């Protein structure tokens, strides 16, 4: 029970010390950006592998009846959320853009044209290794859902689920180890930010 306040106080101390260091040393803190970026990369390192093993393992241990119920409830929740999001977009566009058809102070020519998003490539992983390497999370989740659902009907799935649970525990230990470095990481991030801010 006492570990949480100590951890949060350590992060707060790292933040205050980093800001003070950045304010007093200024541009000399710019090289600390290498360590700060390395810490952020460490935090991101296990995200996708953990998603893969935990999602496949969680879906694989379901029974057929549980998976049907999950699909029905999850589909209903997604439908409600999508409806709310679409209605919000429509209402906001009617409220803010109906009164002014053209505005002299605004021009879309000042912005770069948006990049075209290929929804098929984003959600359907033709190459799962490419999706993992490029952090295409929706494609990775699609792959995990298909593998997890296929695992539900496998006759000897317990061995695979035990292996996935093992790797999930290993990745959780890695995350806990990296979390212990959070006060130092926050120090370097805040020192670089405070020192290089104009």
N, C-alpha and C. Protein backbone atom coordinates (compact mmCIF):
# COMPACT_ATOMS: atom_id res chain seq x y z
N UNK A 1 0.81 -1.21 0.00
CA UNK A 1 0.00 0.00 0.00
C UNK A 1 0.85 1.26 0.00
N UNK A 2 2.08 1.18 0.51
CA UNK A 2 2.91 2.36 0.58
C UNK A 2 3.74 2.58 -0.69
N UNK A 3 3.71 1.63 -1.63
CA UNK A 3 4.55 1.75 -2.83
C UNK A 3 4.02 2.83 -3.76
N UNK A 4 2.67 2.99 -3.83
CA UNK A 4 2.11 3.95 -4.78
C UNK A 4 2.47 5.39 -4.45
N UNK A 5 2.31 5.86 -3.16
CA UNK A 5 2.71 7.23 -2.87
C UNK A 5 4.19 7.48 -3.11
N UNK A 6 5.04 6.47 -2.79
CA UNK A 6 6.47 6.64 -3.03
C UNK A 6 6.75 6.82 -4.52
N UNK A 7 6.09 6.02 -5.35
CA UNK A 7 6.31 6.10 -6.78
C UNK A 7 5.86 7.45 -7.33
N UNK A 8 4.67 7.90 -6.92
CA UNK A 8 4.18 9.18 -7.42
C UNK A 8 5.01 10.33 -6.88
N UNK A 9 5.49 10.22 -5.64
CA UNK A 9 6.34 11.29 -5.12
C UNK A 9 7.68 11.31 -5.85
N UNK A 10 8.18 10.13 -6.22
CA UNK A 10 9.42 10.09 -6.99
C UNK A 10 9.27 10.74 -8.35
N UNK A 11 8.12 10.50 -9.00
CA UNK A 11 7.85 11.14 -10.30
C UNK A 11 7.75 12.65 -10.13
N UNK A 12 7.09 13.10 -9.05
CA UNK A 12 6.96 14.54 -8.79
C UNK A 12 8.32 15.17 -8.52
N UNK A 13 9.16 14.48 -7.75
CA UNK A 13 10.51 15.00 -7.49
C UNK A 13 11.31 15.07 -8.79
N UNK A 14 11.20 14.03 -9.63
CA UNK A 14 11.89 14.06 -10.92
C UNK A 14 11.42 15.20 -11.80
N UNK A 15 10.12 15.47 -11.79
CA UNK A 15 9.57 16.56 -12.59
C UNK A 15 10.09 17.92 -12.12
N UNK A 16 10.02 18.16 -10.80
CA UNK A 16 10.48 19.44 -10.25
C UNK A 16 11.98 19.62 -10.46
N UNK A 17 12.75 18.55 -10.21
CA UNK A 17 14.20 18.63 -10.39
C UNK A 17 14.55 18.86 -11.86
N UNK A 18 13.81 18.21 -12.75
CA UNK A 18 14.07 18.39 -14.18
C UNK A 18 13.78 19.81 -14.64
N UNK A 19 12.66 20.36 -14.19
CA UNK A 19 12.32 21.74 -14.57
C UNK A 19 13.36 22.71 -14.02
N UNK A 20 13.76 22.51 -12.77
CA UNK A 20 14.77 23.39 -12.18
C UNK A 20 16.10 23.29 -12.93
N UNK A 21 16.48 22.07 -13.27
CA UNK A 21 17.73 21.88 -14.03
C UNK A 21 17.64 22.56 -15.39
N UNK A 22 16.51 22.40 -16.07
CA UNK A 22 16.34 23.02 -17.38
C UNK A 22 16.35 24.53 -17.31
N UNK A 23 15.73 25.10 -16.28
CA UNK A 23 15.68 26.56 -16.13
C UNK A 23 17.08 27.11 -15.86
N UNK A 24 17.86 26.43 -15.01
CA UNK A 24 19.17 26.96 -14.65
C UNK A 24 20.24 26.68 -15.70
N UNK A 25 20.17 25.55 -16.38
CA UNK A 25 21.21 25.20 -17.36
C UNK A 25 20.84 25.57 -18.79
N UNK A 26 19.57 25.78 -19.07
CA UNK A 26 19.14 26.23 -20.38
C UNK A 26 19.48 25.25 -21.50
N UNK A 27 20.10 25.78 -22.55
CA UNK A 27 20.39 24.98 -23.75
C UNK A 27 21.39 23.85 -23.50
N UNK A 28 22.08 23.89 -22.37
CA UNK A 28 23.00 22.80 -22.06
C UNK A 28 22.26 21.48 -21.84
N UNK A 29 20.95 21.57 -21.61
CA UNK A 29 20.13 20.35 -21.39
C UNK A 29 19.69 19.70 -22.69
N UNK A 30 20.00 20.30 -23.83
CA UNK A 30 19.53 19.73 -25.10
C UNK A 30 20.04 18.31 -25.34
N UNK A 31 21.31 17.98 -25.01
CA UNK A 31 21.75 16.59 -25.20
C UNK A 31 20.98 15.57 -24.36
N UNK A 32 20.30 16.02 -23.31
CA UNK A 32 19.52 15.09 -22.50
C UNK A 32 18.34 14.52 -23.28
N UNK A 33 18.04 15.14 -24.43
CA UNK A 33 16.95 14.66 -25.27
C UNK A 33 17.17 13.23 -25.75
N UNK A 34 18.42 12.82 -25.90
CA UNK A 34 18.72 11.46 -26.34
C UNK A 34 18.23 10.46 -25.29
N UNK A 35 18.51 10.75 -24.02
CA UNK A 35 18.08 9.86 -22.94
C UNK A 35 16.56 9.91 -22.80
N UNK A 36 15.98 11.12 -22.94
CA UNK A 36 14.52 11.25 -22.84
C UNK A 36 13.81 10.45 -23.93
N UNK A 37 14.32 10.56 -25.17
CA UNK A 37 13.72 9.80 -26.27
C UNK A 37 13.91 8.29 -26.06
N UNK A 38 15.06 7.91 -25.50
CA UNK A 38 15.29 6.50 -25.21
C UNK A 38 14.32 5.96 -24.17
N UNK A 39 14.01 6.78 -23.16
CA UNK A 39 13.06 6.35 -22.13
C UNK A 39 11.66 6.18 -22.72
N UNK A 40 11.24 7.12 -23.57
CA UNK A 40 9.92 7.01 -24.21
C UNK A 40 9.87 5.76 -25.09
N UNK A 41 10.96 5.48 -25.80
CA UNK A 41 11.01 4.27 -26.64
C UNK A 41 10.93 3.01 -25.78
N UNK A 42 11.57 3.03 -24.60
CA UNK A 42 11.47 1.88 -23.70
C UNK A 42 10.03 1.66 -23.25
N UNK A 43 9.30 2.76 -22.99
CA UNK A 43 7.91 2.63 -22.58
C UNK A 43 7.07 2.00 -23.69
N UNK A 44 7.39 2.34 -24.94
CA UNK A 44 6.62 1.84 -26.08
C UNK A 44 7.04 0.43 -26.51
N UNK A 45 8.18 -0.02 -26.04
CA UNK A 45 8.80 -1.24 -26.54
C UNK A 45 7.90 -2.47 -26.40
N UNK A 46 7.21 -2.60 -25.30
CA UNK A 46 6.46 -3.83 -25.04
C UNK A 46 4.97 -3.69 -25.33
N UNK A 47 4.52 -2.54 -25.83
CA UNK A 47 3.08 -2.31 -25.99
C UNK A 47 2.48 -3.31 -26.98
N UNK A 48 2.99 -3.34 -28.21
CA UNK A 48 2.41 -4.23 -29.22
C UNK A 48 2.59 -5.71 -28.89
N UNK A 49 3.78 -6.15 -28.44
CA UNK A 49 3.87 -7.57 -28.04
C UNK A 49 2.88 -7.93 -26.93
N UNK A 50 2.66 -7.03 -25.98
CA UNK A 50 1.71 -7.32 -24.90
C UNK A 50 0.29 -7.39 -25.44
N UNK A 51 -0.06 -6.49 -26.38
CA UNK A 51 -1.39 -6.55 -27.00
C UNK A 51 -1.58 -7.90 -27.68
N UNK A 52 -0.57 -8.35 -28.41
CA UNK A 52 -0.69 -9.61 -29.16
C UNK A 52 -0.92 -10.79 -28.22
N UNK A 53 -0.03 -10.96 -27.22
CA UNK A 53 -0.15 -12.15 -26.38
C UNK A 53 -1.39 -12.10 -25.49
N UNK A 54 -1.72 -10.91 -24.96
CA UNK A 54 -2.86 -10.84 -24.05
C UNK A 54 -4.18 -10.97 -24.78
N UNK A 55 -4.29 -10.37 -25.97
CA UNK A 55 -5.55 -10.44 -26.72
C UNK A 55 -5.80 -11.85 -27.26
N UNK A 56 -4.77 -12.46 -27.83
CA UNK A 56 -4.94 -13.83 -28.33
C UNK A 56 -5.25 -14.78 -27.17
N UNK A 57 -4.52 -14.64 -26.06
CA UNK A 57 -4.77 -15.51 -24.91
C UNK A 57 -6.14 -15.31 -24.31
N UNK A 58 -6.59 -14.06 -24.20
CA UNK A 58 -7.91 -13.78 -23.61
C UNK A 58 -9.03 -14.32 -24.48
N UNK A 59 -8.92 -14.12 -25.80
CA UNK A 59 -9.95 -14.64 -26.69
C UNK A 59 -9.89 -16.17 -26.77
N UNK A 60 -8.69 -16.73 -26.78
CA UNK A 60 -8.54 -18.17 -26.93
C UNK A 60 -9.10 -18.97 -25.78
N UNK A 61 -9.12 -18.42 -24.58
CA UNK A 61 -9.62 -19.19 -23.43
C UNK A 61 -11.14 -19.14 -23.31
N UNK A 62 -11.82 -18.36 -24.16
CA UNK A 62 -13.28 -18.30 -24.13
C UNK A 62 -13.88 -19.60 -24.69
N UNK A 63 -15.08 -19.89 -24.27
CA UNK A 63 -15.84 -20.97 -24.89
C UNK A 63 -16.64 -20.39 -26.06
N UNK A 64 -17.22 -21.27 -26.88
CA UNK A 64 -18.00 -20.80 -28.02
C UNK A 64 -19.19 -19.96 -27.55
N UNK A 65 -19.84 -20.37 -26.48
CA UNK A 65 -20.98 -19.62 -25.97
C UNK A 65 -20.56 -18.23 -25.48
N UNK A 66 -19.45 -18.17 -24.75
CA UNK A 66 -18.95 -16.88 -24.26
C UNK A 66 -18.55 -15.97 -25.42
N UNK A 67 -17.94 -16.56 -26.45
CA UNK A 67 -17.51 -15.73 -27.58
C UNK A 67 -18.70 -15.17 -28.34
N UNK A 68 -19.79 -15.95 -28.48
CA UNK A 68 -20.99 -15.43 -29.15
C UNK A 68 -21.60 -14.28 -28.33
N UNK A 69 -21.65 -14.47 -27.02
CA UNK A 69 -22.21 -13.42 -26.16
C UNK A 69 -21.35 -12.16 -26.21
N UNK A 70 -20.02 -12.34 -26.20
CA UNK A 70 -19.10 -11.21 -26.28
C UNK A 70 -19.26 -10.48 -27.61
N UNK A 71 -19.41 -11.23 -28.71
CA UNK A 71 -19.58 -10.61 -30.02
C UNK A 71 -20.88 -9.82 -30.08
N UNK A 72 -21.96 -10.36 -29.50
CA UNK A 72 -23.24 -9.65 -29.53
C UNK A 72 -23.20 -8.38 -28.70
N UNK A 73 -22.67 -8.48 -27.48
CA UNK A 73 -22.61 -7.30 -26.61
C UNK A 73 -21.62 -6.28 -27.16
N UNK A 74 -20.44 -6.75 -27.58
CA UNK A 74 -19.44 -5.83 -28.14
C UNK A 74 -19.92 -5.14 -29.40
N UNK A 75 -20.61 -5.90 -30.28
CA UNK A 75 -21.16 -5.31 -31.49
C UNK A 75 -22.20 -4.25 -31.18
N UNK A 76 -23.06 -4.50 -30.19
CA UNK A 76 -24.08 -3.52 -29.81
C UNK A 76 -23.44 -2.25 -29.25
N UNK A 77 -22.42 -2.42 -28.40
CA UNK A 77 -21.74 -1.25 -27.83
C UNK A 77 -21.05 -0.45 -28.92
N UNK A 78 -20.37 -1.15 -29.85
CA UNK A 78 -19.72 -0.44 -30.96
C UNK A 78 -20.73 0.32 -31.81
N UNK A 79 -21.86 -0.29 -32.08
CA UNK A 79 -22.90 0.36 -32.88
C UNK A 79 -23.41 1.63 -32.20
N UNK A 80 -23.63 1.56 -30.90
CA UNK A 80 -24.08 2.74 -30.15
C UNK A 80 -23.02 3.84 -30.17
N UNK A 81 -21.76 3.47 -29.95
CA UNK A 81 -20.68 4.47 -29.94
C UNK A 81 -20.49 5.10 -31.32
N UNK A 82 -20.55 4.28 -32.39
CA UNK A 82 -20.43 4.83 -33.74
C UNK A 82 -21.59 5.78 -34.04
N UNK A 83 -22.80 5.43 -33.62
CA UNK A 83 -23.96 6.29 -33.85
C UNK A 83 -23.79 7.62 -33.13
N UNK A 84 -23.35 7.58 -31.87
CA UNK A 84 -23.12 8.82 -31.12
C UNK A 84 -22.06 9.68 -31.80
N UNK A 85 -20.97 9.04 -32.25
CA UNK A 85 -19.89 9.79 -32.90
C UNK A 85 -20.37 10.44 -34.20
N UNK A 86 -21.11 9.70 -35.02
CA UNK A 86 -21.61 10.26 -36.27
C UNK A 86 -22.61 11.39 -36.03
N UNK A 87 -23.49 11.21 -35.06
CA UNK A 87 -24.45 12.28 -34.73
C UNK A 87 -23.73 13.52 -34.22
N UNK A 88 -22.68 13.33 -33.42
CA UNK A 88 -21.91 14.46 -32.92
C UNK A 88 -21.25 15.23 -34.06
N UNK A 89 -20.67 14.49 -35.02
CA UNK A 89 -20.05 15.15 -36.17
C UNK A 89 -21.08 15.95 -36.97
N UNK A 90 -22.25 15.36 -37.21
CA UNK A 90 -23.29 16.04 -37.97
C UNK A 90 -23.77 17.28 -37.25
N UNK A 91 -24.05 17.16 -35.94
CA UNK A 91 -24.56 18.30 -35.17
C UNK A 91 -23.53 19.42 -35.10
N UNK A 92 -22.26 19.07 -34.84
CA UNK A 92 -21.21 20.10 -34.76
C UNK A 92 -21.04 20.79 -36.10
N UNK A 93 -21.08 20.04 -37.20
CA UNK A 93 -20.92 20.68 -38.51
C UNK A 93 -22.11 21.60 -38.82
N UNK A 94 -23.30 21.23 -38.39
CA UNK A 94 -24.47 22.09 -38.62
C UNK A 94 -24.41 23.35 -37.76
N UNK A 95 -23.94 23.22 -36.54
CA UNK A 95 -23.91 24.36 -35.62
C UNK A 95 -22.84 25.36 -36.02
N UNK A 96 -21.63 24.89 -36.31
CA UNK A 96 -20.52 25.80 -36.52
C UNK A 96 -20.35 26.27 -37.96
N UNK A 97 -20.78 25.49 -38.93
CA UNK A 97 -20.47 25.84 -40.31
C UNK A 97 -21.68 26.24 -41.13
N UNK A 98 -22.88 26.24 -40.55
CA UNK A 98 -24.05 26.61 -41.34
C UNK A 98 -24.21 28.11 -41.45
N UNK A 99 -23.75 28.88 -40.44
CA UNK A 99 -23.96 30.32 -40.47
C UNK A 99 -23.00 31.03 -41.41
N UNK A 100 -21.80 30.49 -41.60
CA UNK A 100 -20.81 31.14 -42.48
C UNK A 100 -20.51 30.20 -43.63
N UNK A 101 -20.97 30.58 -44.80
CA UNK A 101 -20.69 29.77 -45.98
C UNK A 101 -19.28 30.01 -46.48
N UNK A 102 -18.83 31.26 -46.38
CA UNK A 102 -17.46 31.57 -46.80
C UNK A 102 -16.91 32.62 -45.87
N UNK A 103 -15.69 32.47 -45.48
CA UNK A 103 -15.06 33.42 -44.57
C UNK A 103 -13.77 33.90 -45.20
N UNK A 104 -13.58 35.19 -45.20
CA UNK A 104 -12.41 35.76 -45.85
C UNK A 104 -11.14 35.47 -45.07
N UNK A 105 -11.28 35.26 -43.76
CA UNK A 105 -10.08 35.05 -42.95
C UNK A 105 -9.61 33.61 -42.95
N UNK A 106 -10.35 32.72 -43.56
CA UNK A 106 -10.00 31.30 -43.54
C UNK A 106 -9.91 30.78 -44.96
N UNK A 107 -8.86 30.04 -45.24
CA UNK A 107 -8.72 29.43 -46.55
C UNK A 107 -8.07 28.07 -46.38
N UNK A 108 -8.64 27.08 -47.03
CA UNK A 108 -8.05 25.73 -46.95
C UNK A 108 -6.74 25.65 -47.71
N UNK A 109 -6.45 26.65 -48.53
CA UNK A 109 -5.20 26.63 -49.30
C UNK A 109 -3.98 26.78 -48.40
N UNK A 110 -4.18 27.30 -47.17
CA UNK A 110 -3.04 27.48 -46.28
C UNK A 110 -2.59 26.17 -45.65
N UNK A 111 -3.37 25.12 -45.79
CA UNK A 111 -3.04 23.83 -45.19
C UNK A 111 -2.60 22.86 -46.27
N UNK A 112 -1.72 21.94 -45.86
CA UNK A 112 -1.34 20.86 -46.76
C UNK A 112 -2.54 19.94 -46.95
N UNK A 113 -2.70 19.39 -48.14
CA UNK A 113 -3.81 18.44 -48.32
C UNK A 113 -3.61 17.22 -47.43
N UNK A 114 -4.69 16.72 -46.83
CA UNK A 114 -4.54 15.57 -45.93
C UNK A 114 -4.10 14.33 -46.69
N UNK A 115 -3.32 13.51 -46.00
CA UNK A 115 -2.87 12.27 -46.61
C UNK A 115 -4.05 11.31 -46.74
N UNK A 116 -4.08 10.61 -47.86
CA UNK A 116 -5.14 9.63 -48.07
C UNK A 116 -4.90 8.42 -47.18
N UNK A 117 -5.93 8.03 -46.45
CA UNK A 117 -5.84 6.88 -45.55
C UNK A 117 -6.40 5.66 -46.25
N UNK A 118 -5.60 4.62 -46.34
CA UNK A 118 -6.05 3.37 -46.92
C UNK A 118 -6.61 2.50 -45.80
N UNK A 119 -7.94 2.44 -45.71
CA UNK A 119 -8.58 1.71 -44.62
C UNK A 119 -8.31 0.22 -44.68
N UNK A 120 -8.15 -0.31 -45.90
CA UNK A 120 -7.87 -1.74 -46.02
C UNK A 120 -6.52 -2.06 -45.39
N UNK A 121 -5.49 -1.28 -45.73
CA UNK A 121 -4.17 -1.51 -45.16
C UNK A 121 -4.15 -1.26 -43.65
N UNK A 122 -4.99 -0.33 -43.18
CA UNK A 122 -5.00 -0.01 -41.76
C UNK A 122 -5.64 -1.12 -40.92
N UNK A 123 -6.68 -1.77 -41.47
CA UNK A 123 -7.42 -2.75 -40.68
C UNK A 123 -7.18 -4.20 -41.08
N UNK A 124 -6.65 -4.44 -42.29
CA UNK A 124 -6.43 -5.82 -42.74
C UNK A 124 -4.93 -6.02 -42.95
N UNK A 125 -4.30 -6.84 -42.12
CA UNK A 125 -2.85 -7.00 -42.22
C UNK A 125 -2.44 -8.01 -43.29
N UNK A 126 -2.05 -7.51 -44.46
CA UNK A 126 -1.54 -8.42 -45.49
C UNK A 126 -0.23 -9.05 -45.03
N UNK A 127 0.54 -8.29 -44.24
CA UNK A 127 1.80 -8.78 -43.69
C UNK A 127 1.84 -8.37 -42.22
N UNK A 128 1.62 -9.31 -41.33
CA UNK A 128 1.54 -8.98 -39.90
C UNK A 128 2.86 -8.42 -39.38
N UNK A 129 3.99 -8.85 -39.94
CA UNK A 129 5.28 -8.34 -39.49
C UNK A 129 5.46 -6.87 -39.88
N UNK A 130 4.94 -6.50 -41.06
CA UNK A 130 4.96 -5.09 -41.46
C UNK A 130 4.09 -4.27 -40.52
N UNK A 131 2.91 -4.80 -40.17
CA UNK A 131 2.01 -4.08 -39.26
C UNK A 131 2.64 -3.92 -37.88
N UNK A 132 3.32 -4.96 -37.40
CA UNK A 132 3.98 -4.86 -36.10
C UNK A 132 5.14 -3.87 -36.14
N UNK A 133 5.93 -3.91 -37.23
CA UNK A 133 7.10 -3.03 -37.33
C UNK A 133 6.71 -1.57 -37.47
N UNK A 134 5.56 -1.31 -38.07
CA UNK A 134 5.14 0.08 -38.32
C UNK A 134 4.04 0.55 -37.38
N UNK A 135 3.80 -0.19 -36.30
CA UNK A 135 2.81 0.19 -35.28
C UNK A 135 1.43 0.44 -35.86
N UNK A 136 1.00 -0.41 -36.77
CA UNK A 136 -0.36 -0.31 -37.31
C UNK A 136 -1.27 -1.10 -36.37
N UNK A 137 -1.70 -0.45 -35.29
CA UNK A 137 -2.42 -1.14 -34.21
C UNK A 137 -3.73 -1.77 -34.67
N UNK A 138 -4.58 -1.09 -35.48
CA UNK A 138 -5.82 -1.75 -35.90
C UNK A 138 -5.57 -3.06 -36.65
N UNK A 139 -4.55 -3.10 -37.51
CA UNK A 139 -4.25 -4.32 -38.25
C UNK A 139 -3.76 -5.42 -37.30
N UNK A 140 -2.95 -5.05 -36.32
CA UNK A 140 -2.47 -6.02 -35.35
C UNK A 140 -3.63 -6.59 -34.54
N UNK A 141 -4.57 -5.71 -34.14
CA UNK A 141 -5.74 -6.18 -33.38
C UNK A 141 -6.60 -7.11 -34.23
N UNK A 142 -6.77 -6.80 -35.52
CA UNK A 142 -7.52 -7.68 -36.41
C UNK A 142 -6.88 -9.07 -36.47
N UNK A 143 -5.56 -9.11 -36.63
CA UNK A 143 -4.84 -10.38 -36.64
C UNK A 143 -5.05 -11.14 -35.34
N UNK A 144 -4.94 -10.45 -34.21
CA UNK A 144 -5.10 -11.11 -32.91
C UNK A 144 -6.51 -11.65 -32.73
N UNK A 145 -7.51 -10.91 -33.21
CA UNK A 145 -8.89 -11.38 -33.09
C UNK A 145 -9.08 -12.67 -33.89
N UNK A 146 -8.57 -12.71 -35.12
CA UNK A 146 -8.72 -13.91 -35.94
C UNK A 146 -8.00 -15.10 -35.32
N UNK A 147 -6.77 -14.89 -34.83
CA UNK A 147 -6.02 -15.99 -34.23
C UNK A 147 -6.69 -16.44 -32.92
N UNK A 148 -7.16 -15.48 -32.11
CA UNK A 148 -7.83 -15.82 -30.86
C UNK A 148 -9.11 -16.59 -31.07
N UNK A 149 -9.91 -16.17 -32.08
CA UNK A 149 -11.15 -16.88 -32.38
C UNK A 149 -10.85 -18.28 -32.91
N UNK A 150 -9.80 -18.41 -33.74
CA UNK A 150 -9.42 -19.74 -34.23
C UNK A 150 -8.96 -20.63 -33.09
N UNK A 151 -8.36 -20.03 -32.07
CA UNK A 151 -7.87 -20.80 -30.93
C UNK A 151 -9.02 -21.33 -30.06
N UNK A 152 -10.17 -20.63 -30.11
CA UNK A 152 -11.32 -21.06 -29.30
C UNK A 152 -11.72 -22.49 -29.63
N UNK A 153 -11.76 -22.82 -30.91
CA UNK A 153 -12.20 -24.15 -31.30
C UNK A 153 -11.12 -25.20 -31.36
N UNK A 154 -9.88 -24.82 -31.03
CA UNK A 154 -8.79 -25.80 -31.09
C UNK A 154 -8.92 -26.82 -29.96
N UNK A 155 -8.70 -28.11 -30.26
CA UNK A 155 -8.88 -29.13 -29.21
C UNK A 155 -7.81 -29.07 -28.12
N UNK A 156 -6.58 -28.75 -28.47
CA UNK A 156 -5.49 -28.72 -27.49
C UNK A 156 -5.00 -27.29 -27.29
N UNK A 157 -5.90 -26.42 -26.96
CA UNK A 157 -5.54 -25.00 -26.87
C UNK A 157 -4.87 -24.62 -25.55
N UNK A 158 -4.97 -25.46 -24.54
CA UNK A 158 -4.46 -25.08 -23.23
C UNK A 158 -2.95 -24.86 -23.24
N UNK A 159 -2.22 -25.66 -24.01
CA UNK A 159 -0.76 -25.48 -24.09
C UNK A 159 -0.41 -24.12 -24.68
N UNK A 160 -1.13 -23.72 -25.73
CA UNK A 160 -0.88 -22.41 -26.34
C UNK A 160 -1.26 -21.29 -25.37
N UNK A 161 -2.37 -21.45 -24.66
CA UNK A 161 -2.80 -20.41 -23.72
C UNK A 161 -1.81 -20.29 -22.57
N UNK A 162 -1.28 -21.42 -22.09
CA UNK A 162 -0.26 -21.37 -21.04
C UNK A 162 0.98 -20.63 -21.51
N UNK A 163 1.39 -20.88 -22.76
CA UNK A 163 2.56 -20.18 -23.31
C UNK A 163 2.30 -18.68 -23.44
N UNK A 164 1.09 -18.32 -23.90
CA UNK A 164 0.74 -16.90 -24.02
C UNK A 164 0.68 -16.23 -22.65
N UNK A 165 0.17 -16.94 -21.65
CA UNK A 165 0.14 -16.40 -20.28
C UNK A 165 1.55 -16.20 -19.74
N UNK A 166 2.44 -17.14 -20.07
CA UNK A 166 3.84 -17.02 -19.65
C UNK A 166 4.46 -15.75 -20.22
N UNK A 167 4.28 -15.55 -21.54
CA UNK A 167 4.88 -14.37 -22.17
C UNK A 167 4.21 -13.08 -21.70
N UNK A 168 2.92 -13.14 -21.40
CA UNK A 168 2.24 -11.98 -20.85
C UNK A 168 2.84 -11.59 -19.50
N UNK A 169 3.13 -12.59 -18.66
CA UNK A 169 3.75 -12.32 -17.36
C UNK A 169 5.17 -11.77 -17.52
N UNK A 170 5.92 -12.30 -18.50
CA UNK A 170 7.28 -11.81 -18.75
C UNK A 170 7.24 -10.34 -19.18
N UNK A 171 6.34 -10.01 -20.11
CA UNK A 171 6.24 -8.62 -20.58
C UNK A 171 5.76 -7.70 -19.46
N UNK A 172 4.90 -8.20 -18.58
CA UNK A 172 4.47 -7.39 -17.43
C UNK A 172 5.65 -7.10 -16.51
N UNK A 173 6.54 -8.09 -16.32
CA UNK A 173 7.74 -7.86 -15.50
C UNK A 173 8.66 -6.82 -16.14
N UNK A 174 8.79 -6.89 -17.47
CA UNK A 174 9.60 -5.88 -18.16
C UNK A 174 9.01 -4.49 -17.95
N UNK A 175 7.67 -4.39 -18.04
CA UNK A 175 7.01 -3.10 -17.83
C UNK A 175 7.23 -2.59 -16.42
N UNK A 176 7.17 -3.48 -15.43
CA UNK A 176 7.40 -3.06 -14.05
C UNK A 176 8.84 -2.57 -13.86
N UNK A 177 9.78 -3.23 -14.52
CA UNK A 177 11.18 -2.80 -14.43
C UNK A 177 11.36 -1.42 -15.03
N UNK A 178 10.75 -1.20 -16.19
CA UNK A 178 10.86 0.12 -16.84
C UNK A 178 10.14 1.17 -16.01
N UNK A 179 9.02 0.79 -15.36
CA UNK A 179 8.27 1.76 -14.54
C UNK A 179 9.11 2.28 -13.39
N UNK A 180 10.05 1.47 -12.90
CA UNK A 180 10.92 1.94 -11.81
C UNK A 180 11.83 3.07 -12.27
N UNK A 181 12.06 3.16 -13.59
CA UNK A 181 12.91 4.23 -14.12
C UNK A 181 12.13 5.51 -14.41
N UNK A 182 10.83 5.52 -14.13
CA UNK A 182 9.99 6.66 -14.49
C UNK A 182 10.47 7.97 -13.88
N UNK A 183 10.85 8.04 -12.58
CA UNK A 183 11.33 9.33 -12.06
C UNK A 183 12.53 9.88 -12.84
N UNK A 184 13.47 8.99 -13.21
CA UNK A 184 14.62 9.45 -14.02
C UNK A 184 14.18 9.88 -15.41
N UNK A 185 13.27 9.11 -16.02
CA UNK A 185 12.79 9.47 -17.35
C UNK A 185 12.08 10.80 -17.34
N UNK A 186 11.23 11.03 -16.33
CA UNK A 186 10.52 12.32 -16.22
C UNK A 186 11.51 13.46 -15.99
N UNK A 187 12.57 13.19 -15.22
CA UNK A 187 13.60 14.21 -15.01
C UNK A 187 14.23 14.63 -16.33
N UNK A 188 14.65 13.66 -17.15
CA UNK A 188 15.31 14.00 -18.41
C UNK A 188 14.34 14.68 -19.38
N UNK A 189 13.09 14.21 -19.43
CA UNK A 189 12.12 14.81 -20.34
C UNK A 189 11.84 16.26 -19.95
N UNK A 190 11.60 16.50 -18.65
CA UNK A 190 11.27 17.87 -18.21
C UNK A 190 12.48 18.79 -18.28
N UNK A 191 13.69 18.25 -18.02
CA UNK A 191 14.89 19.09 -18.12
C UNK A 191 15.12 19.52 -19.57
N UNK A 192 14.97 18.62 -20.50
CA UNK A 192 15.14 18.98 -21.92
C UNK A 192 14.08 19.98 -22.34
N UNK A 193 12.82 19.73 -21.93
CA UNK A 193 11.73 20.64 -22.32
C UNK A 193 11.91 22.03 -21.74
N UNK A 194 12.26 22.10 -20.44
CA UNK A 194 12.43 23.42 -19.80
C UNK A 194 13.68 24.12 -20.31
N UNK A 195 14.71 23.37 -20.61
CA UNK A 195 15.95 24.00 -21.05
C UNK A 195 15.93 24.50 -22.48
N UNK A 196 15.14 23.87 -23.35
CA UNK A 196 15.13 24.27 -24.75
C UNK A 196 13.93 25.13 -25.11
N UNK A 197 13.06 25.41 -24.14
CA UNK A 197 11.86 26.21 -24.43
C UNK A 197 12.25 27.67 -24.60
N UNK A 198 11.72 28.30 -25.65
CA UNK A 198 12.01 29.72 -25.87
C UNK A 198 11.12 30.56 -24.98
